[in-house]
Amino acid sequence: MFERITALWSPAPAPPPAKVPYDPTDPKQNPLNPQGLKPCCACPQTKSARDDCFLKFDSSEADEKCKALVQGHLACMQSLGFKIY
């Protein structure tokens, strides 16, 4: 009987903290990106080189000729904590 009465007076247990989705632009969640760069603004050197390569070559040969530049840009993005699928 006393257990039931004391259960009514005790505070309710705190709910578990909500899981926050991973945000690569949040420096608290992603220390690899301390400036909080968004994907569109990250790695401008490799991005422009990659884009220039795709503009220079015909679409039939651009995939092969620009492969190294694409890989370099992906590596740069991953080094900033962006998840590339």
PDB file of N, CA and C in Angstrom:
ATOM      1  N   MET A   1       0.811  -1.189   0.000  1.00  0.00           N
ATOM      2  CA  MET A   1       0.000   0.000   0.000  1.00  0.00           C
ATOM      3  C   MET A   1       0.860   1.261   0.000  1.00  0.00           C
ATOM      4  N   PHE A   2       1.903   1.277   0.827  1.00  0.00           N
ATOM      5  CA  PHE A   2       2.762   2.464   0.889  1.00  0.00           C
ATOM      6  C   PHE A   2       3.556   2.670  -0.404  1.00  0.00           C
ATOM      7  N   GLU A   3       3.857   1.574  -1.068  1.00  0.00           N
ATOM      8  CA  GLU A   3       4.581   1.697  -2.339  1.00  0.00           C
ATOM      9  C   GLU A   3       3.758   2.467  -3.365  1.00  0.00           C
ATOM     10  N   ARG A   4       2.480   2.219  -3.366  1.00  0.00           N
ATOM     11  CA  ARG A   4       1.612   2.905  -4.315  1.00  0.00           C
ATOM     12  C   ARG A   4       1.504   4.387  -3.991  1.00  0.00           C
ATOM     13  N   ILE A   5       1.424   4.723  -2.724  1.00  0.00           N
ATOM     14  CA  ILE A   5       1.311   6.122  -2.306  1.00  0.00           C
ATOM     15  C   ILE A   5       2.610   6.869  -2.621  1.00  0.00           C
ATOM     16  N   THR A   6       3.757   6.289  -2.321  1.00  0.00           N
ATOM     17  CA  THR A   6       5.022   6.972  -2.594  1.00  0.00           C
ATOM     18  C   THR A   6       5.273   7.079  -4.084  1.00  0.00           C
ATOM     19  N   ALA A   7       4.760   6.158  -4.869  1.00  0.00           N
ATOM     20  CA  ALA A   7       4.927   6.239  -6.312  1.00  0.00           C
ATOM     21  C   ALA A   7       4.193   7.451  -6.872  1.00  0.00           C
ATOM     22  N   LEU A   8       3.107   7.827  -6.252  1.00  0.00           N
ATOM     23  CA  LEU A   8       2.369   9.001  -6.700  1.00  0.00           C
ATOM     24  C   LEU A   8       3.124  10.295  -6.401  1.00  0.00           C
ATOM     25  N   TRP A   9       3.920  10.316  -5.340  1.00  0.00           N
ATOM     26  CA  TRP A   9       4.655  11.525  -4.966  1.00  0.00           C
ATOM     27  C   TRP A   9       5.996  11.662  -5.665  1.00  0.00           C
ATOM     28  N   SER A  10       6.540  10.577  -6.124  1.00  0.00           N
ATOM     29  CA  SER A  10       7.859  10.645  -6.748  1.00  0.00           C
ATOM     30  C   SER A  10       7.739  11.275  -8.141  1.00  0.00           C
ATOM     31  N   PRO A  11       8.758  12.017  -8.516  1.00  0.00           N
ATOM     32  CA  PRO A  11       8.688  12.660  -9.830  1.00  0.00           C
ATOM     33  C   PRO A  11       8.732  11.617 -10.945  1.00  0.00           C
ATOM     34  N   ALA A  12       8.143  11.971 -12.052  1.00  0.00           N
ATOM     35  CA  ALA A  12       8.154  11.081 -13.218  1.00  0.00           C
ATOM     36  C   ALA A  12       9.570  11.007 -13.774  1.00  0.00           C
ATOM     37  N   PRO A  13       9.953   9.847 -14.251  1.00  0.00           N
ATOM     38  CA  PRO A  13      11.307   9.742 -14.817  1.00  0.00           C
ATOM     39  C   PRO A  13      11.440  10.641 -16.049  1.00  0.00           C
ATOM     40  N   ALA A  14      12.617  11.187 -16.198  1.00  0.00           N
ATOM     41  CA  ALA A  14      12.874  12.076 -17.334  1.00  0.00           C
ATOM     42  C   ALA A  14      12.886  11.263 -18.616  1.00  0.00           C
ATOM     43  N   PRO A  15      12.290  11.802 -19.669  1.00  0.00           N
ATOM     44  CA  PRO A  15      12.326  11.066 -20.940  1.00  0.00           C
ATOM     45  C   PRO A  15      13.754  11.045 -21.487  1.00  0.00           C
ATOM     46  N   PRO A  16      14.080  10.017 -22.245  1.00  0.00           N
ATOM     47  CA  PRO A  16      15.434   9.958 -22.818  1.00  0.00           C
ATOM     48  C   PRO A  16      15.637  11.129 -23.773  1.00  0.00           C
ATOM     49  N   PRO A  17      16.870  11.616 -23.876  1.00  0.00           N
ATOM     50  CA  PRO A  17      17.116  12.742 -24.786  1.00  0.00           C
ATOM     51  C   PRO A  17      16.820  12.345 -26.233  1.00  0.00           C
ATOM     52  N   ALA A  18      16.245  13.276 -26.959  1.00  0.00           N
ATOM     53  CA  ALA A  18      15.913  13.024 -28.366  1.00  0.00           C
ATOM     54  C   ALA A  18      17.187  12.919 -29.188  1.00  0.00           C
ATOM     55  N   LYS A  19      17.211  11.972 -30.085  1.00  0.00           N
ATOM     56  CA  LYS A  19      18.387  11.793 -30.933  1.00  0.00           C
ATOM     57  C   LYS A  19      18.354  12.851 -32.037  1.00  0.00           C
ATOM     58  N   VAL A  20      19.394  13.644 -32.079  1.00  0.00           N
ATOM     59  CA  VAL A  20      19.504  14.710 -33.070  1.00  0.00           C
ATOM     60  C   VAL A  20      20.154  14.126 -34.320  1.00  0.00           C
ATOM     61  N   PRO A  21      19.558  14.332 -35.489  1.00  0.00           N
ATOM     62  CA  PRO A  21      20.179  13.800 -36.708  1.00  0.00           C
ATOM     63  C   PRO A  21      21.533  14.453 -36.967  1.00  0.00           C
ATOM     64  N   TYR A  22      22.419  13.696 -37.596  1.00  0.00           N
ATOM     65  CA  TYR A  22      23.770  14.180 -37.883  1.00  0.00           C
ATOM     66  C   TYR A  22      23.703  15.355 -38.854  1.00  0.00           C
ATOM     67  N   ASP A  23      24.343  16.436 -38.465  1.00  0.00           N
ATOM     68  CA  ASP A  23      24.410  17.635 -39.302  1.00  0.00           C
ATOM     69  C   ASP A  23      25.879  17.977 -39.509  1.00  0.00           C
ATOM     70  N   PRO A  24      26.421  17.716 -40.705  1.00  0.00           N
ATOM     71  CA  PRO A  24      27.851  17.964 -40.930  1.00  0.00           C
ATOM     72  C   PRO A  24      28.228  19.437 -40.886  1.00  0.00           C
ATOM     73  N   THR A  25      27.242  20.342 -40.914  1.00  0.00           N
ATOM     74  CA  THR A  25      27.549  21.773 -40.861  1.00  0.00           C
ATOM     75  C   THR A  25      27.575  22.297 -39.431  1.00  0.00           C
ATOM     76  N   ASP A  26      27.245  21.447 -38.453  1.00  0.00           N
ATOM     77  CA  ASP A  26      27.260  21.849 -37.049  1.00  0.00           C
ATOM     78  C   ASP A  26      28.633  21.519 -36.458  1.00  0.00           C
ATOM     79  N   PRO A  27      29.425  22.542 -36.117  1.00  0.00           N
ATOM     80  CA  PRO A  27      30.775  22.272 -35.586  1.00  0.00           C
ATOM     81  C   PRO A  27      30.768  21.447 -34.298  1.00  0.00           C
ATOM     82  N   LYS A  28      29.670  21.473 -33.531  1.00  0.00           N
ATOM     83  CA  LYS A  28      29.610  20.666 -32.306  1.00  0.00           C
ATOM     84  C   LYS A  28      29.495  19.178 -32.642  1.00  0.00           C
ATOM     85  N   GLN A  29      28.789  18.860 -33.707  1.00  0.00           N
ATOM     86  CA  GLN A  29      28.639  17.463 -34.109  1.00  0.00           C
ATOM     87  C   GLN A  29      29.782  17.015 -35.015  1.00  0.00           C
ATOM     88  N   ASN A  30      30.355  17.937 -35.747  1.00  0.00           N
ATOM     89  CA  ASN A  30      31.376  17.593 -36.732  1.00  0.00           C
ATOM     90  C   ASN A  30      32.611  18.468 -36.533  1.00  0.00           C
ATOM     91  N   PRO A  31      33.559  18.036 -35.714  1.00  0.00           N
ATOM     92  CA  PRO A  31      34.759  18.847 -35.495  1.00  0.00           C
ATOM     93  C   PRO A  31      35.657  18.952 -36.730  1.00  0.00           C
ATOM     94  N   LEU A  32      35.419  18.131 -37.751  1.00  0.00           N
ATOM     95  CA  LEU A  32      36.210  18.226 -38.980  1.00  0.00           C
ATOM     96  C   LEU A  32      35.835  19.455 -39.798  1.00  0.00           C
ATOM     97  N   ASN A  33      34.697  20.054 -39.493  1.00  0.00           N
ATOM     98  CA  ASN A  33      34.203  21.217 -40.224  1.00  0.00           C
ATOM     99  C   ASN A  33      33.975  22.362 -39.224  1.00  0.00           C
ATOM    100  N   PRO A  34      35.050  22.929 -38.658  1.00  0.00           N
ATOM    101  CA  PRO A  34      34.887  23.944 -37.614  1.00  0.00           C
ATOM    102  C   PRO A  34      34.254  25.241 -38.112  1.00  0.00           C
ATOM    103  N   GLN A  35      34.332  25.517 -39.413  1.00  0.00           N
ATOM    104  CA  GLN A  35      33.732  26.739 -39.943  1.00  0.00           C
ATOM    105  C   GLN A  35      32.251  26.562 -40.243  1.00  0.00           C
ATOM    106  N   GLY A  36      31.745  25.341 -40.187  1.00  0.00           N
ATOM    107  CA  GLY A  36      30.349  25.080 -40.472  1.00  0.00           C
ATOM    108  C   GLY A  36      29.986  25.267 -41.934  1.00  0.00           C
ATOM    109  N   LEU A  37      30.913  24.910 -42.824  1.00  0.00           N
ATOM    110  CA  LEU A  37      30.660  25.060 -44.259  1.00  0.00           C
ATOM    111  C   LEU A  37      29.533  24.144 -44.717  1.00  0.00           C
ATOM    112  N   LYS A  38      28.712  24.637 -45.621  1.00  0.00           N
ATOM    113  CA  LYS A  38      27.683  23.817 -46.236  1.00  0.00           C
ATOM    114  C   LYS A  38      28.312  23.107 -47.433  1.00  0.00           C
ATOM    115  N   PRO A  39      27.704  22.011 -47.895  1.00  0.00           N
ATOM    116  CA  PRO A  39      28.297  21.263 -49.011  1.00  0.00           C
ATOM    117  C   PRO A  39      28.523  22.108 -50.264  1.00  0.00           C
ATOM    118  N   CYS A  40      27.666  23.076 -50.504  1.00  0.00           N
ATOM    119  CA  CYS A  40      27.817  23.891 -51.715  1.00  0.00           C
ATOM    120  C   CYS A  40      29.044  24.795 -51.655  1.00  0.00           C
ATOM    121  N   CYS A  41      29.523  25.094 -50.455  1.00  0.00           N
ATOM    122  CA  CYS A  41      30.640  26.027 -50.296  1.00  0.00           C
ATOM    123  C   CYS A  41      31.950  25.341 -49.898  1.00  0.00           C
ATOM    124  N   ALA A  42      31.887  24.049 -49.637  1.00  0.00           N
ATOM    125  CA  ALA A  42      33.079  23.326 -49.210  1.00  0.00           C
ATOM    126  C   ALA A  42      33.936  22.944 -50.415  1.00  0.00           C
ATOM    127  N   CYS A  43      35.216  22.907 -50.229  1.00  0.00           N
ATOM    128  CA  CYS A  43      36.194  22.466 -51.234  1.00  0.00           C
ATOM    129  C   CYS A  43      36.059  23.212 -52.558  1.00  0.00           C
ATOM    130  N   PRO A  44      36.160  24.536 -52.559  1.00  0.00           N
ATOM    131  CA  PRO A  44      35.949  25.275 -53.805  1.00  0.00           C
ATOM    132  C   PRO A  44      37.008  24.990 -54.877  1.00  0.00           C
ATOM    133  N   GLN A  45      38.249  24.682 -54.480  1.00  0.00           N
ATOM    134  CA  GLN A  45      39.293  24.428 -55.476  1.00  0.00           C
ATOM    135  C   GLN A  45      39.019  23.144 -56.248  1.00  0.00           C
ATOM    136  N   THR A  46      38.713  22.074 -55.531  1.00  0.00           N
ATOM    137  CA  THR A  46      38.470  20.803 -56.225  1.00  0.00           C
ATOM    138  C   THR A  46      37.133  20.832 -56.954  1.00  0.00           C
ATOM    139  N   LYS A  47      36.188  21.572 -56.423  1.00  0.00           N
ATOM    140  CA  LYS A  47      34.884  21.666 -57.079  1.00  0.00           C
ATOM    141  C   LYS A  47      34.993  22.379 -58.427  1.00  0.00           C
ATOM    142  N   SER A  48      35.705  23.502 -58.452  1.00  0.00           N
ATOM    143  CA  SER A  48      35.816  24.247 -59.714  1.00  0.00           C
ATOM    144  C   SER A  48      36.636  23.473 -60.746  1.00  0.00           C
ATOM    145  N   ALA A  49      37.686  22.773 -60.307  1.00  0.00           N
ATOM    146  CA  ALA A  49      38.479  21.971 -61.235  1.00  0.00           C
ATOM    147  C   ALA A  49      37.634  20.844 -61.820  1.00  0.00           C
ATOM    148  N   ARG A  50      36.834  20.210 -60.983  1.00  0.00           N
ATOM    149  CA  ARG A  50      35.947  19.142 -61.449  1.00  0.00           C
ATOM    150  C   ARG A  50      34.929  19.679 -62.459  1.00  0.00           C
ATOM    151  N   ASP A  51      34.301  20.811 -62.126  1.00  0.00           N
ATOM    152  CA  ASP A  51      33.296  21.400 -63.014  1.00  0.00           C
ATOM    153  C   ASP A  51      33.904  21.836 -64.347  1.00  0.00           C
ATOM    154  N   ASP A  52      35.084  22.447 -64.298  1.00  0.00           N
ATOM    155  CA  ASP A  52      35.756  22.863 -65.531  1.00  0.00           C
ATOM    156  C   ASP A  52      36.057  21.670 -66.428  1.00  0.00           C
ATOM    157  N   CYS A  53      36.445  20.576 -65.822  1.00  0.00           N
ATOM    158  CA  CYS A  53      36.754  19.378 -66.598  1.00  0.00           C
ATOM    159  C   CYS A  53      35.505  18.863 -67.305  1.00  0.00           C
ATOM    160  N   PHE A  54      34.380  18.840 -66.606  1.00  0.00           N
ATOM    161  CA  PHE A  54      33.154  18.355 -67.232  1.00  0.00           C
ATOM    162  C   PHE A  54      32.664  19.290 -68.330  1.00  0.00           C
ATOM    163  N   LEU A  55      32.970  20.569 -68.207  1.00  0.00           N
ATOM    164  CA  LEU A  55      32.574  21.509 -69.251  1.00  0.00           C
ATOM    165  C   LEU A  55      33.501  21.434 -70.465  1.00  0.00           C
ATOM    166  N   LYS A  56      34.745  21.027 -70.231  1.00  0.00           N
ATOM    167  CA  LYS A  56      35.734  20.993 -71.308  1.00  0.00           C
ATOM    168  C   LYS A  56      35.539  19.799 -72.242  1.00  0.00           C
ATOM    169  N   PHE A  57      35.131  18.670 -71.679  1.00  0.00           N
ATOM    170  CA  PHE A  57      35.029  17.442 -72.463  1.00  0.00           C
ATOM    171  C   PHE A  57      33.581  17.103 -72.780  1.00  0.00           C
ATOM    172  N   ASP A  58      33.432  16.341 -73.869  1.00  0.00           N
ATOM    173  CA  ASP A  58      32.124  15.841 -74.273  1.00  0.00           C
ATOM    174  C   ASP A  58      31.627  14.847 -73.222  1.00  0.00           C
ATOM    175  N   SER A  59      30.328  14.735 -73.066  1.00  0.00           N
ATOM    176  CA  SER A  59      29.772  13.878 -72.021  1.00  0.00           C
ATOM    177  C   SER A  59      30.168  12.415 -72.186  1.00  0.00           C
ATOM    178  N   SER A  60      30.431  12.004 -73.402  1.00  0.00           N
ATOM    179  CA  SER A  60      30.815  10.604 -73.617  1.00  0.00           C
ATOM    180  C   SER A  60      32.204  10.288 -73.069  1.00  0.00           C
ATOM    181  N   GLU A  61      33.085  11.282 -73.011  1.00  0.00           N
ATOM    182  CA  GLU A  61      34.442  11.029 -72.518  1.00  0.00           C
ATOM    183  C   GLU A  61      34.741  11.723 -71.190  1.00  0.00           C
ATOM    184  N   ALA A  62      33.856  12.573 -70.715  1.00  0.00           N
ATOM    185  CA  ALA A  62      34.113  13.324 -69.487  1.00  0.00           C
ATOM    186  C   ALA A  62      34.205  12.419 -68.261  1.00  0.00           C
ATOM    187  N   ASP A  63      33.374  11.377 -68.211  1.00  0.00           N
ATOM    188  CA  ASP A  63      33.416  10.481 -67.053  1.00  0.00           C
ATOM    189  C   ASP A  63      34.802   9.884 -66.857  1.00  0.00           C
ATOM    190  N   GLU A  64      35.410   9.468 -67.927  1.00  0.00           N
ATOM    191  CA  GLU A  64      36.736   8.846 -67.825  1.00  0.00           C
ATOM    192  C   GLU A  64      37.832   9.886 -67.597  1.00  0.00           C
ATOM    193  N   LYS A  65      37.785  10.989 -68.302  1.00  0.00           N
ATOM    194  CA  LYS A  65      38.850  11.999 -68.222  1.00  0.00           C
ATOM    195  C   LYS A  65      38.826  12.761 -66.895  1.00  0.00           C
ATOM    196  N   CYS A  66      37.664  12.903 -66.291  1.00  0.00           N
ATOM    197  CA  CYS A  66      37.527  13.699 -65.061  1.00  0.00           C
ATOM    198  C   CYS A  66      37.453  12.838 -63.806  1.00  0.00           C
ATOM    199  N   LYS A  67      37.671  11.555 -63.946  1.00  0.00           N
ATOM    200  CA  LYS A  67      37.527  10.631 -62.826  1.00  0.00           C
ATOM    201  C   LYS A  67      38.434  10.998 -61.644  1.00  0.00           C
ATOM    202  N   ALA A  68      39.678  11.341 -61.920  1.00  0.00           N
ATOM    203  CA  ALA A  68      40.626  11.681 -60.844  1.00  0.00           C
ATOM    204  C   ALA A  68      40.189  12.958 -60.117  1.00  0.00           C
ATOM    205  N   LEU A  69      39.663  13.930 -60.860  1.00  0.00           N
ATOM    206  CA  LEU A  69      39.206  15.168 -60.231  1.00  0.00           C
ATOM    207  C   LEU A  69      37.966  14.942 -59.373  1.00  0.00           C
ATOM    208  N   VAL A  70      37.086  14.057 -59.832  1.00  0.00           N
ATOM    209  CA  VAL A  70      35.897  13.717 -59.051  1.00  0.00           C
ATOM    210  C   VAL A  70      36.317  13.020 -57.762  1.00  0.00           C
ATOM    211  N   GLN A  71      37.246  12.090 -57.856  1.00  0.00           N
ATOM    212  CA  GLN A  71      37.726  11.380 -56.663  1.00  0.00           C
ATOM    213  C   GLN A  71      38.392  12.342 -55.684  1.00  0.00           C
ATOM    214  N   GLY A  72      39.145  13.302 -56.202  1.00  0.00           N
ATOM    215  CA  GLY A  72      39.781  14.300 -55.338  1.00  0.00           C
ATOM    216  C   GLY A  72      38.758  15.171 -54.624  1.00  0.00           C
ATOM    217  N   HIS A  73      37.703  15.540 -55.325  1.00  0.00           N
ATOM    218  CA  HIS A  73      36.652  16.350 -54.704  1.00  0.00           C
ATOM    219  C   HIS A  73      35.903  15.543 -53.639  1.00  0.00           C
ATOM    220  N   LEU A  74      35.618  14.281 -53.930  1.00  0.00           N
ATOM    221  CA  LEU A  74      34.956  13.429 -52.937  1.00  0.00           C
ATOM    222  C   LEU A  74      35.825  13.259 -51.693  1.00  0.00           C
ATOM    223  N   ALA A  75      37.115  13.085 -51.879  1.00  0.00           N
ATOM    224  CA  ALA A  75      38.033  12.942 -50.744  1.00  0.00           C
ATOM    225  C   ALA A  75      38.054  14.219 -49.907  1.00  0.00           C
ATOM    226  N   CYS A  76      38.034  15.370 -50.568  1.00  0.00           N
ATOM    227  CA  CYS A  76      38.017  16.641 -49.847  1.00  0.00           C
ATOM    228  C   CYS A  76      36.732  16.775 -49.031  1.00  0.00           C
ATOM    229  N   MET A  77      35.597  16.439 -49.623  1.00  0.00           N
ATOM    230  CA  MET A  77      34.318  16.528 -48.921  1.00  0.00           C
ATOM    231  C   MET A  77      34.282  15.586 -47.725  1.00  0.00           C
ATOM    232  N   GLN A  78      34.796  14.374 -47.902  1.00  0.00           N
ATOM    233  CA  GLN A  78      34.816  13.406 -46.809  1.00  0.00           C
ATOM    234  C   GLN A  78      35.753  13.856 -45.698  1.00  0.00           C
ATOM    235  N   SER A  79      36.825  14.555 -46.043  1.00  0.00           N
ATOM    236  CA  SER A  79      37.754  15.028 -45.019  1.00  0.00           C
ATOM    237  C   SER A  79      37.123  16.108 -44.148  1.00  0.00           C
ATOM    238  N   LEU A  80      36.073  16.740 -44.647  1.00  0.00           N
ATOM    239  CA  LEU A  80      35.328  17.737 -43.859  1.00  0.00           C
ATOM    240  C   LEU A  80      34.154  17.124 -43.110  1.00  0.00           C
ATOM    241  N   GLY A  81      34.008  15.805 -43.197  1.00  0.00           N
ATOM    242  CA  GLY A  81      32.964  15.115 -42.449  1.00  0.00           C
ATOM    243  C   GLY A  81      31.653  14.921 -43.186  1.00  0.00           C
ATOM    244  N   PHE A  82      31.616  15.251 -44.459  1.00  0.00           N
ATOM    245  CA  PHE A  82      30.394  15.039 -45.232  1.00  0.00           C
ATOM    246  C   PHE A  82      30.315  13.568 -45.625  1.00  0.00           C
ATOM    247  N   LYS A  83      29.133  13.003 -45.496  1.00  0.00           N
ATOM    248  CA  LYS A  83      28.929  11.593 -45.852  1.00  0.00           C
ATOM    249  C   LYS A  83      28.520  11.551 -47.318  1.00  0.00           C
ATOM    250  N   ILE A  84      29.375  10.965 -48.143  1.00  0.00           N
ATOM    251  CA  ILE A  84      29.141  10.867 -49.569  1.00  0.00           C
ATOM    252  C   ILE A  84      28.727   9.431 -49.869  1.00  0.00           C
ATOM    253  N   TYR A  85      27.562   9.263 -50.466  1.00  0.00           N
ATOM    254  CA  TYR A  85      27.055   7.919 -50.772  1.00  0.00           C
ATOM    255  C   TYR A  85      27.241   7.589 -52.209  1.00  0.00           C
TER     256      TYR A  85
END
